[in-house]
Amino acid sequence: MPTPTAPVPTKLPKVALLGTGGTISSIGRGKMDLTNYGDTGNILHAEEIAAAVPEIFQHAEIVPVRFRNMPAIEITPADWLALNAKLHEVAEATPDLAGIVVTHGTASLEETAYFLNLALKIDVPVVLVGAQRPFSAISSDAQLNLINAVRVAASPESRGRGVLVVLNDEIQAAREVTKTDTYRLQSFQSPGLGALGYADADRVCFYRTPVRRHTTGTPYDVRGLSSLPRVDVVTSYVGADGVLIDAVVQAGARGIVAAGFAPGCGAPAETAALRRALDRRVTVVQAARAQAGRVDARDRVRAAGFVAGDNLPAHKARILLMMALTRSEDPAEIQQAFWDY
């Protein structure tokens, strides 16, 4: 009778875990502290959150990476540049890496995700994850969101889909996802387009993939830059004048994103102020304040000399314009960037 052999252990994929802070890492004053936890200043670092959720080690070999812990509302473009550099450093130092998970506060998570979607020049999956309830709260979503983010980062199917966002069992594309509710767990959605897939209990399932170019497919390699061009957002409302627009031009803006009335137009005084901005060589992108839908390059937009913002919300159009201005001020090139990315 043959001697039985011991099963060969399966090597788990290697996933780096990098923390930037946020609700997912926050410890409040008690299990019912759902709103004031940020006042404690008690935020878990990457190695601490990994140790507190040991189930993630069932899905991957975790490589904790300390970065910096801060509220999402305090993040600046300088922090984006530092995070981008750190992620490249991690990927280069760990050539057998399957993926990277970045914990992040939900207030600005979608903006960091889209910036990285344009800036990263690495081909391993990068997944941003947050939580709507702090780590310490009763019925917190932090632990399961983290486990699912690790599973998605470790999945070979995640490659080639750009930067991903995982919350509430759903996988969203960085370009399209937005926070739609202040507190509800199902807040992160992709209006008009939908999720890419799900992180279900049995497997990670994808049903579609982004078609806009991203990461290694963009020309925006901003490593080595110490700052990004200043771009401001101005939102239309009934009776709006050009005071805010003139002010941001005076402050040194190189670009303005106008979040106009849907489908993308401002009040007459705003339009006049935006034309004055063009005369000062400030690039203007026309977006809309609607939750979803395109701003097309119709006659009015082109005649005014504006760039059409396509279906990007104003805060994401700002990011793409910042990146585009690192390469060119030509409106035709910037318009093409909005069609491509």
Protein backbone atom coordinates (compact mmCIF):
# COMPACT_ATOMS: atom_id res chain seq x y z
CA MET A 1 0.00 0.00 0.00
CA PRO A 2 1.52 3.38 -1.01
CA THR A 3 2.59 5.73 1.74
CA PRO A 4 0.31 8.78 1.88
CA THR A 5 2.02 12.07 1.21
CA ALA A 6 1.28 15.34 2.94
CA PRO A 7 -0.52 17.93 0.81
CA VAL A 8 1.68 20.64 -0.62
CA PRO A 9 0.64 23.95 0.92
CA THR A 10 -0.67 26.47 -1.57
CA LYS A 11 1.32 29.68 -1.63
CA LEU A 12 -0.89 32.67 -1.02
CA PRO A 13 -0.65 35.75 -3.25
CA LYS A 14 1.29 38.66 -1.76
CA VAL A 15 -0.71 41.85 -1.15
CA ALA A 16 0.71 45.10 0.24
CA LEU A 17 -1.51 46.98 2.70
CA LEU A 18 -0.90 50.71 2.89
CA GLY A 19 -2.86 53.00 5.21
CA THR A 20 -3.79 56.65 4.84
CA GLY A 21 -6.21 56.77 7.76
CA GLY A 22 -9.93 57.46 7.54
CA THR A 23 -13.00 55.93 9.16
CA ILE A 24 -11.93 52.40 8.27
CA SER A 25 -8.94 52.78 10.61
CA SER A 26 -10.54 54.89 13.34
CA ILE A 27 -11.26 53.93 16.93
CA GLY A 28 -14.06 55.82 18.67
CA ARG A 29 -15.01 56.22 22.31
CA GLY A 30 -17.28 53.19 22.24
CA LYS A 31 -19.30 50.87 20.03
CA MET A 32 -22.05 53.43 19.56
CA ASP A 33 -19.70 56.24 18.53
CA LEU A 34 -20.71 56.55 14.88
CA THR A 35 -20.07 60.26 14.35
CA ASN A 36 -17.53 61.72 16.79
CA TYR A 37 -14.79 59.08 16.46
CA GLY A 38 -12.59 61.47 14.47
CA ASP A 39 -12.11 63.60 17.55
CA THR A 40 -10.18 60.87 19.36
CA GLY A 41 -7.23 60.92 16.98
CA ASN A 42 -6.93 57.16 17.47
CA ILE A 43 -6.19 55.75 14.02
CA LEU A 44 -4.77 52.30 13.35
CA HIS A 45 -1.65 51.97 11.22
CA ALA A 46 -1.48 49.36 8.46
CA GLU A 47 0.17 46.68 10.60
CA GLU A 48 -2.32 47.32 13.42
CA ILE A 49 -5.41 47.02 11.24
CA ALA A 50 -3.99 43.85 9.68
CA ALA A 51 -3.44 42.32 13.11
CA ALA A 52 -6.98 43.28 14.14
CA VAL A 53 -8.51 41.50 11.12
CA PRO A 54 -6.61 38.19 11.03
CA GLU A 55 -9.05 36.75 8.47
CA ILE A 56 -7.23 38.66 5.72
CA PHE A 57 -4.29 36.28 6.17
CA GLN A 58 -6.51 33.48 4.87
CA HIS A 59 -6.56 35.18 1.48
CA ALA A 60 -3.10 36.68 1.05
CA GLU A 61 0.35 37.13 2.47
CA ILE A 62 0.05 40.67 3.79
CA VAL A 63 2.90 43.17 3.54
CA PRO A 64 1.99 46.13 5.80
CA VAL A 65 3.37 49.49 4.67
CA ARG A 66 3.30 52.59 6.85
CA PHE A 67 2.50 55.77 4.98
CA ARG A 68 0.62 58.46 6.89
CA ASN A 69 -2.69 58.64 8.76
CA MET A 70 -4.93 61.66 8.26
CA PRO A 71 -8.59 62.59 7.83
CA ALA A 72 -9.71 62.43 4.21
CA ILE A 73 -10.64 66.11 4.27
CA GLU A 74 -7.02 67.06 5.00
CA ILE A 75 -5.56 65.33 1.95
CA THR A 76 -3.99 67.67 -0.62
CA PRO A 77 -2.50 67.19 -4.11
CA ALA A 78 0.92 67.07 -2.43
CA ASP A 79 -0.27 63.99 -0.51
CA TRP A 80 -1.42 62.45 -3.79
CA LEU A 81 2.05 62.91 -5.25
CA ALA A 82 3.63 61.37 -2.16
CA LEU A 83 1.22 58.42 -2.23
CA ASN A 84 1.86 57.87 -5.92
CA ALA A 85 5.61 57.80 -5.29
CA LYS A 86 5.18 55.41 -2.34
CA LEU A 87 3.07 52.97 -4.34
CA HIS A 88 5.70 52.88 -7.09
CA GLU A 89 8.35 52.29 -4.43
CA VAL A 90 6.37 49.39 -2.94
CA ALA A 91 5.76 47.79 -6.33
CA GLU A 92 9.43 48.07 -7.33
CA ALA A 93 10.63 46.67 -3.99
CA THR A 94 8.30 43.66 -4.16
CA PRO A 95 8.43 42.22 -7.69
CA ASP A 96 6.20 39.23 -6.83
CA LEU A 97 3.39 41.46 -5.56
CA ALA A 98 -0.12 40.39 -6.60
CA GLY A 99 -1.79 43.66 -5.64
CA ILE A 100 -1.96 46.63 -3.29
CA VAL A 101 -4.73 47.75 -0.93
CA VAL A 102 -4.91 51.37 0.23
CA THR A 103 -7.17 52.22 3.17
CA HIS A 104 -8.64 55.70 2.84
CA GLY A 105 -11.26 58.01 4.30
CA THR A 106 -14.44 58.04 2.26
CA ALA A 107 -14.83 61.83 2.07
CA SER A 108 -12.20 62.14 -0.69
CA LEU A 109 -11.58 58.48 -1.57
CA GLU A 110 -13.00 58.78 -5.09
CA GLU A 111 -10.69 61.70 -5.89
CA THR A 112 -7.54 59.91 -4.71
CA ALA A 113 -8.64 56.83 -6.64
CA TYR A 114 -9.10 58.75 -9.89
CA PHE A 115 -5.80 60.58 -9.48
CA LEU A 116 -4.02 57.23 -9.05
CA ASN A 117 -5.98 55.83 -12.00
CA LEU A 118 -4.31 58.49 -14.15
CA ALA A 119 -0.90 58.64 -12.47
CA LEU A 120 0.17 55.10 -11.56
CA LYS A 121 2.60 53.37 -13.89
CA ILE A 122 2.44 49.92 -12.33
CA ASP A 123 0.46 46.99 -13.63
CA VAL A 124 -0.56 45.27 -10.39
CA PRO A 125 -4.12 45.90 -9.16
CA VAL A 126 -4.49 48.79 -6.73
CA VAL A 127 -7.66 48.76 -4.63
CA LEU A 128 -8.84 51.63 -2.45
CA VAL A 129 -11.10 50.75 0.46
CA GLY A 130 -12.90 52.71 3.14
CA ALA A 131 -15.76 52.34 5.57
CA GLN A 132 -18.86 54.27 6.51
CA ARG A 133 -18.65 53.22 10.14
CA PRO A 134 -15.50 53.31 12.27
CA PHE A 135 -13.51 50.17 12.98
CA SER A 136 -14.63 50.18 16.62
CA ALA A 137 -18.38 50.60 15.99
CA ILE A 138 -21.05 47.98 16.42
CA SER A 139 -21.98 46.62 12.97
CA SER A 140 -18.95 48.30 11.41
CA ASP A 141 -18.36 47.66 7.72
CA ALA A 142 -14.61 48.23 8.13
CA GLN A 143 -13.54 44.61 8.67
CA LEU A 144 -15.49 43.01 5.82
CA ASN A 145 -14.62 45.82 3.43
CA LEU A 146 -10.94 45.26 4.20
CA ILE A 147 -11.18 41.49 3.70
CA ASN A 148 -12.96 41.98 0.37
CA ALA A 149 -10.44 44.58 -0.79
CA VAL A 150 -7.61 42.12 -0.12
CA ARG A 151 -9.47 39.41 -2.02
CA VAL A 152 -10.01 41.71 -5.00
CA ALA A 153 -6.38 42.91 -4.99
CA ALA A 154 -5.19 39.29 -4.91
CA SER A 155 -7.47 38.20 -7.78
CA PRO A 156 -5.78 37.80 -11.18
CA GLU A 157 -9.05 38.98 -12.74
CA SER A 158 -8.49 42.46 -11.28
CA ARG A 159 -5.49 43.10 -13.52
CA GLY A 160 -5.95 45.52 -16.36
CA ARG A 161 -9.06 47.20 -14.96
CA GLY A 162 -7.39 50.28 -13.53
CA VAL A 163 -7.61 51.42 -9.93
CA LEU A 164 -10.55 49.81 -8.15
CA VAL A 165 -12.72 50.83 -5.19
CA VAL A 166 -14.30 48.21 -2.93
CA LEU A 167 -17.02 48.87 -0.36
CA ASN A 168 -20.28 47.13 0.55
CA ASP A 169 -19.28 43.96 -1.40
CA GLU A 170 -19.17 45.94 -4.67
CA ILE A 171 -16.23 46.59 -7.00
CA GLN A 172 -16.32 50.00 -8.67
CA ALA A 173 -14.12 51.73 -11.24
CA ALA A 174 -12.10 54.68 -9.91
CA ARG A 175 -13.14 56.93 -12.78
CA GLU A 176 -16.86 56.41 -12.27
CA VAL A 177 -17.49 55.81 -8.58
CA THR A 178 -18.82 58.52 -6.29
CA LYS A 179 -20.02 58.83 -2.72
CA THR A 180 -23.79 59.36 -2.91
CA ASP A 181 -24.79 59.43 0.77
CA THR A 182 -23.19 60.75 3.93
CA TYR A 183 -23.74 57.71 6.20
CA ARG A 184 -25.44 54.80 4.38
CA LEU A 185 -23.36 51.69 3.71
CA GLN A 186 -24.41 51.56 0.05
CA SER A 187 -23.09 55.08 -0.54
CA PHE A 188 -20.41 54.27 -3.15
CA GLN A 189 -22.03 53.88 -6.54
CA SER A 190 -21.34 54.56 -10.22
CA PRO A 191 -24.39 56.54 -11.38
CA GLY A 192 -25.63 55.62 -14.84
CA LEU A 193 -23.01 52.91 -15.31
CA GLY A 194 -23.01 50.53 -12.35
CA ALA A 195 -20.50 48.37 -10.55
CA LEU A 196 -17.82 46.29 -12.27
CA GLY A 197 -18.60 43.27 -10.12
CA TYR A 198 -18.95 41.87 -6.62
CA ALA A 199 -16.79 40.45 -3.88
CA ASP A 200 -19.18 37.69 -2.83
CA ALA A 201 -18.54 35.06 -0.18
CA ASP A 202 -17.65 32.32 -2.67
CA ARG A 203 -15.62 34.31 -5.21
CA VAL A 204 -14.70 37.64 -6.75
CA CYS A 205 -16.93 38.17 -9.78
CA PHE A 206 -16.42 40.71 -12.57
CA TYR A 207 -19.09 41.48 -15.16
CA ARG A 208 -17.61 44.43 -17.07
CA THR A 209 -14.38 46.35 -17.46
CA PRO A 210 -13.58 50.06 -17.94
CA VAL A 211 -12.79 51.08 -21.51
CA ARG A 212 -11.18 54.48 -20.84
CA ARG A 213 -7.39 54.36 -20.70
CA HIS A 214 -5.79 54.32 -17.28
CA THR A 215 -2.56 53.77 -15.27
CA THR A 216 0.14 52.55 -17.68
CA GLY A 217 -2.05 53.65 -20.62
CA THR A 218 -1.93 57.37 -19.77
CA PRO A 219 0.92 59.83 -20.43
CA TYR A 220 0.70 61.33 -16.93
CA ASP A 221 3.84 60.25 -15.13
CA VAL A 222 4.01 62.86 -12.36
CA ARG A 223 6.83 61.28 -10.37
CA GLY A 224 9.34 63.96 -9.59
CA LEU A 225 6.80 66.79 -9.52
CA SER A 226 6.48 68.69 -6.25
CA SER A 227 3.10 70.22 -7.10
CA LEU A 228 0.26 70.11 -9.60
CA PRO A 229 -1.23 73.07 -11.49
CA ARG A 230 -3.90 74.95 -9.56
CA VAL A 231 -7.41 74.21 -10.82
CA ASP A 232 -10.53 75.49 -9.08
CA VAL A 233 -14.19 74.43 -9.27
CA VAL A 234 -17.05 76.94 -9.46
CA THR A 235 -20.65 75.74 -9.17
CA SER A 236 -23.60 77.43 -10.88
CA TYR A 237 -26.72 78.50 -9.02
CA VAL A 238 -29.64 80.83 -9.71
CA GLY A 239 -28.42 84.41 -9.79
CA ALA A 240 -24.71 83.50 -9.82
CA ASP A 241 -22.35 86.22 -10.96
CA GLY A 242 -18.68 86.16 -11.90
CA VAL A 243 -17.18 87.18 -8.56
CA LEU A 244 -15.92 83.71 -7.60
CA ILE A 245 -14.55 83.10 -11.08
CA ASP A 246 -12.66 86.39 -11.11
CA ALA A 247 -11.33 85.57 -7.63
CA VAL A 248 -9.83 82.22 -8.57
CA VAL A 249 -8.21 83.78 -11.64
CA GLN A 250 -6.72 86.44 -9.39
CA ALA A 251 -5.51 83.68 -7.03
CA GLY A 252 -3.48 82.14 -9.84
CA ALA A 253 -5.68 79.35 -11.19
CA ARG A 254 -4.40 77.80 -14.40
CA GLY A 255 -7.69 76.04 -14.92
CA ILE A 256 -11.34 76.32 -13.91
CA VAL A 257 -13.98 73.61 -13.95
CA ALA A 258 -17.44 75.15 -14.22
CA ALA A 259 -20.06 72.86 -12.66
CA GLY A 260 -22.92 74.39 -14.60
CA PHE A 261 -26.64 73.78 -14.78
CA ALA A 262 -27.36 70.46 -16.52
CA PRO A 263 -26.59 69.70 -19.32
CA GLY A 264 -23.64 72.09 -18.87
CA CYS A 265 -24.10 75.84 -18.99
CA GLY A 266 -23.69 78.72 -16.56
CA ALA A 267 -25.60 81.87 -15.77
CA PRO A 268 -24.86 84.75 -18.19
CA ALA A 269 -22.60 86.59 -15.74
CA GLU A 270 -20.65 83.38 -15.08
CA THR A 271 -20.15 82.79 -18.81
CA ALA A 272 -18.87 86.33 -19.22
CA ALA A 273 -16.42 85.81 -16.34
CA LEU A 274 -15.23 82.52 -17.80
CA ARG A 275 -14.53 84.26 -21.10
CA ARG A 276 -12.47 86.83 -19.20
CA ALA A 277 -10.58 83.90 -17.68
CA LEU A 278 -9.84 82.56 -21.16
CA ASP A 279 -8.39 85.94 -22.07
CA ARG A 280 -5.98 85.43 -19.14
CA ARG A 281 -4.91 82.05 -20.60
CA VAL A 282 -6.88 80.07 -18.03
CA THR A 283 -8.27 76.77 -19.37
CA VAL A 284 -12.00 76.31 -18.78
CA VAL A 285 -13.74 72.93 -18.63
CA GLN A 286 -17.53 72.91 -18.74
CA ALA A 287 -18.99 70.23 -16.47
CA ALA A 288 -22.47 69.90 -14.96
CA ARG A 289 -23.72 69.80 -11.40
CA ALA A 290 -26.04 66.85 -12.23
CA GLN A 291 -25.26 63.49 -10.66
CA ALA A 292 -24.85 61.76 -14.03
CA GLY A 293 -24.78 62.39 -17.77
CA ARG A 294 -22.48 63.94 -20.36
CA VAL A 295 -21.53 67.47 -21.23
CA ASP A 296 -20.95 67.29 -24.97
CA ALA A 297 -18.92 69.54 -27.24
CA ARG A 298 -22.00 71.27 -28.65
CA ASP A 299 -21.84 74.57 -30.52
CA ARG A 300 -22.28 76.77 -27.42
CA VAL A 301 -19.40 75.07 -25.57
CA ARG A 302 -17.02 75.17 -28.52
CA ALA A 303 -17.95 78.74 -29.50
CA ALA A 304 -17.14 79.91 -25.98
CA GLY A 305 -13.70 78.25 -26.18
CA PHE A 306 -14.47 75.79 -23.38
CA VAL A 307 -13.47 72.13 -23.08
CA ALA A 308 -16.42 69.74 -22.73
CA GLY A 309 -16.15 67.70 -19.52
CA ASP A 310 -17.87 64.56 -20.88
CA ASN A 311 -19.44 62.58 -18.00
CA LEU A 312 -16.90 63.44 -15.31
CA PRO A 313 -18.31 65.21 -12.25
CA ALA A 314 -16.66 68.54 -11.57
CA HIS A 315 -14.33 67.32 -8.82
CA LYS A 316 -12.97 64.57 -11.08
CA ALA A 317 -12.82 66.84 -14.12
CA ARG A 318 -10.59 69.04 -11.96
CA ILE A 319 -8.16 66.15 -11.46
CA LEU A 320 -7.95 65.33 -15.15
CA LEU A 321 -7.43 69.01 -15.99
CA MET A 322 -4.65 69.27 -13.40
CA MET A 323 -2.94 66.28 -14.98
CA ALA A 324 -3.49 67.49 -18.55
CA LEU A 325 -1.99 70.88 -17.72
CA THR A 326 1.27 69.20 -16.70
CA ARG A 327 1.72 68.42 -20.40
CA SER A 328 -0.11 71.02 -22.48
CA GLU A 329 -2.31 74.13 -22.48
CA ASP A 330 -3.65 73.41 -25.97
CA PRO A 331 -7.47 73.20 -25.67
CA ALA A 332 -7.65 70.62 -28.46
CA GLU A 333 -5.21 68.31 -26.65
CA ILE A 334 -7.03 68.78 -23.36
CA GLN A 335 -10.37 68.06 -25.04
CA GLN A 336 -8.94 64.83 -26.41
CA ALA A 337 -7.82 63.90 -22.91
CA PHE A 338 -11.42 64.17 -21.72
CA TRP A 339 -12.49 61.80 -24.49
CA ASP A 340 -9.65 59.37 -23.75
CA TYR A 341 -9.40 59.20 -19.96
